[in-house]
């Protein structure tokens, strides 16, 4: 399904169901939030988008325990799930989406490949997390990550 169609479908479903969403993004740097607010009237469902790029931001803003990041890494399913759950709970929305990943080579030593991305969706009664390994440029990885986050949301509305 094309991005524009997925966005419109998500927009219409969120509005008609009077559901709300908050987003915690790392490697996409606000791209998911930008896409979700593309259509007029998005303020009916889009409550907050937070770019929590650093580990410090994940800890301070989202309350991700430092020991969890140390144990699993900031780019992990465990952290993505906590990001989605915590943004949803803190902002009191129906859905929370999170993305954390590696979009380009990093200086730190890591066992994860460039293009590794975790996307989580949290609702009151369920939380999902998907892992991906995208190829290509930094921009390509960011775009594919954002698209998959919107797809995950749309499939669970």
Protein backbone atom coordinates (compact mmCIF):
# COMPACT_ATOMS: atom_id res chain seq x y z
CA UNK A 1 0.00 0.00 0.00
CA UNK A 2 1.34 3.43 -0.91
CA UNK A 3 2.38 5.82 1.85
CA UNK A 4 -0.22 8.46 0.98
CA UNK A 5 -3.00 5.87 1.13
CA UNK A 6 -1.79 4.46 4.47
CA UNK A 7 -1.55 7.96 5.94
CA UNK A 8 -5.05 8.90 4.81
CA UNK A 9 -6.49 5.61 6.08
CA UNK A 10 -4.78 6.03 9.48
CA UNK A 11 -5.94 9.66 9.64
CA UNK A 12 -9.56 8.74 8.91
CA UNK A 13 -9.62 5.79 11.33
CA UNK A 14 -8.08 7.78 14.20
CA UNK A 15 -10.55 10.62 13.70
CA UNK A 16 -13.63 8.43 13.31
CA UNK A 17 -12.73 6.33 16.36
CA UNK A 18 -11.70 9.38 18.40
CA UNK A 19 -8.38 7.75 19.23
CA UNK A 20 -5.15 9.55 20.05
CA UNK A 21 -1.46 8.89 19.48
CA UNK A 22 1.92 9.97 20.82
CA UNK A 23 5.28 9.19 19.23
CA UNK A 24 8.81 8.69 20.59
CA UNK A 25 11.40 8.74 17.81
CA UNK A 26 15.13 8.31 17.79
CA UNK A 27 16.75 7.50 14.43
CA UNK A 28 13.89 9.00 12.38
CA UNK A 29 14.33 12.38 14.05
CA UNK A 30 10.67 13.41 13.87
CA UNK A 31 9.81 11.97 10.46
CA UNK A 32 6.93 9.83 11.79
CA UNK A 33 5.47 12.82 13.60
CA UNK A 34 5.76 14.88 10.43
CA UNK A 35 3.94 12.23 8.40
CA UNK A 36 1.17 11.79 10.98
CA UNK A 37 0.48 15.53 10.96
CA UNK A 38 0.43 15.84 7.17
CA UNK A 39 -3.36 16.05 6.84
CA UNK A 40 -5.49 18.93 8.15
CA UNK A 41 -7.30 17.94 11.33
CA UNK A 42 -4.44 15.80 12.68
CA UNK A 43 -4.63 17.72 15.95
CA UNK A 44 -7.74 15.65 16.74
CA UNK A 45 -5.53 12.59 17.28
CA UNK A 46 -1.85 13.60 17.29
CA UNK A 47 -0.98 14.72 20.81
CA UNK A 48 2.82 14.68 21.03
CA UNK A 49 5.91 13.75 19.08
CA UNK A 50 9.20 13.55 20.99
CA UNK A 51 12.60 13.12 19.40
CA UNK A 52 14.56 11.26 22.06
CA UNK A 53 17.79 10.89 20.16
CA UNK A 54 20.25 10.41 22.99
CA UNK A 55 20.29 7.83 25.76
CA UNK A 56 20.04 10.68 28.24
CA UNK A 57 16.79 11.84 26.62
CA UNK A 58 15.40 8.30 26.67
CA UNK A 59 16.20 8.13 30.38
CA UNK A 60 15.09 11.63 31.44
CA UNK A 61 12.05 12.16 29.21
CA UNK A 62 10.71 8.62 28.85
CA UNK A 63 11.98 7.10 32.08
CA UNK A 64 13.88 4.27 30.40
CA UNK A 65 16.12 2.79 33.10
CA UNK A 66 19.82 3.33 32.48
CA UNK A 67 20.42 -0.34 33.37
CA UNK A 68 17.99 -1.45 30.62
CA UNK A 69 19.88 0.58 28.02
CA UNK A 70 23.20 -0.76 29.35
CA UNK A 71 21.98 -4.37 29.25
CA UNK A 72 20.19 -4.43 25.87
CA UNK A 73 21.43 -1.30 24.09
CA UNK A 74 19.44 1.75 23.07
CA UNK A 75 18.73 -0.02 19.79
CA UNK A 76 16.80 -3.04 21.05
CA UNK A 77 13.31 -4.42 21.22
CA UNK A 78 13.31 -4.01 24.99
CA UNK A 79 14.01 -0.29 24.76
CA UNK A 80 11.59 0.23 21.85
CA UNK A 81 8.78 -1.40 23.86
CA UNK A 82 9.48 0.77 26.90
CA UNK A 83 9.64 3.88 24.72
CA UNK A 84 6.21 3.15 23.20
CA UNK A 85 4.60 2.19 26.51
CA UNK A 86 6.06 5.11 28.42
CA UNK A 87 5.16 7.80 25.86
CA UNK A 88 1.60 6.44 25.71
CA UNK A 89 1.25 6.35 29.50
CA UNK A 90 2.90 9.73 30.15
CA UNK A 91 0.76 11.52 27.59
CA UNK A 92 -2.34 9.37 28.19
CA UNK A 93 -3.01 8.48 24.56
CA UNK A 94 -4.65 5.41 23.05
CA UNK A 95 -1.49 4.52 21.12
CA UNK A 96 2.22 5.07 21.53
CA UNK A 97 4.69 4.44 18.71
CA UNK A 98 8.44 4.29 19.06
CA UNK A 99 11.39 3.87 16.74
CA UNK A 100 14.99 3.27 17.67
CA UNK A 101 17.69 2.24 15.25
CA UNK A 102 21.05 2.70 13.60
CA UNK A 103 20.74 4.79 10.44
CA UNK A 104 24.44 5.30 9.77
CA UNK A 105 27.81 4.06 11.06
CA UNK A 106 28.46 4.98 14.67
CA UNK A 107 31.72 5.61 16.46
CA UNK A 108 30.85 3.37 19.38
CA UNK A 109 31.53 -0.32 19.08
CA UNK A 110 28.27 -2.15 18.51
CA UNK A 111 27.31 -5.64 17.52
CA UNK A 112 24.29 -4.35 15.59
CA UNK A 113 24.46 -3.58 11.89
CA UNK A 114 23.69 -0.26 10.25
CA UNK A 115 20.03 -0.44 9.26
CA UNK A 116 18.94 -2.30 12.42
CA UNK A 117 15.66 -0.75 13.54
CA UNK A 118 13.09 -1.62 16.19
CA UNK A 119 9.55 -0.24 15.96
CA UNK A 120 7.05 -0.70 18.78
CA UNK A 121 3.35 0.08 19.08
CA UNK A 122 1.68 0.21 22.46
CA UNK A 123 -2.06 0.22 23.13
CA UNK A 124 -3.81 -0.25 26.45
CA UNK A 125 -4.18 -4.02 26.03
CA UNK A 126 -1.36 -4.92 23.67
CA UNK A 127 2.18 -4.04 22.72
CA UNK A 128 3.91 -5.12 19.53
CA UNK A 129 7.52 -4.80 18.48
CA UNK A 130 9.02 -5.49 15.08
CA UNK A 131 12.67 -5.60 14.09
CA UNK A 132 14.01 -4.69 10.67
CA UNK A 133 17.29 -4.59 8.82
CA UNK A 134 17.06 -1.89 6.16
CA UNK A 135 19.72 -1.32 3.50
CA UNK A 136 20.86 1.81 1.76
CA UNK A 137 21.65 5.35 2.72
CA UNK A 138 20.86 7.04 6.03
CA UNK A 139 17.86 8.75 4.40
CA UNK A 140 16.63 5.46 2.95
CA UNK A 141 16.80 3.78 6.36
CA UNK A 142 14.96 6.68 8.00
CA UNK A 143 12.22 6.71 5.32
CA UNK A 144 11.68 2.94 5.44
CA UNK A 145 11.55 3.07 9.24
CA UNK A 146 8.89 5.78 9.22
CA UNK A 147 6.84 3.95 6.60
CA UNK A 148 6.91 0.71 8.60
CA UNK A 149 5.85 2.57 11.75
CA UNK A 150 2.83 4.00 9.92
CA UNK A 151 2.04 0.55 8.49
CA UNK A 152 2.18 -1.00 11.95
CA UNK A 153 -0.18 1.65 13.29
CA UNK A 154 -2.62 1.32 10.38
CA UNK A 155 -2.71 -2.49 10.67
CA UNK A 156 -3.65 -2.21 14.35
CA UNK A 157 -6.33 0.46 14.19
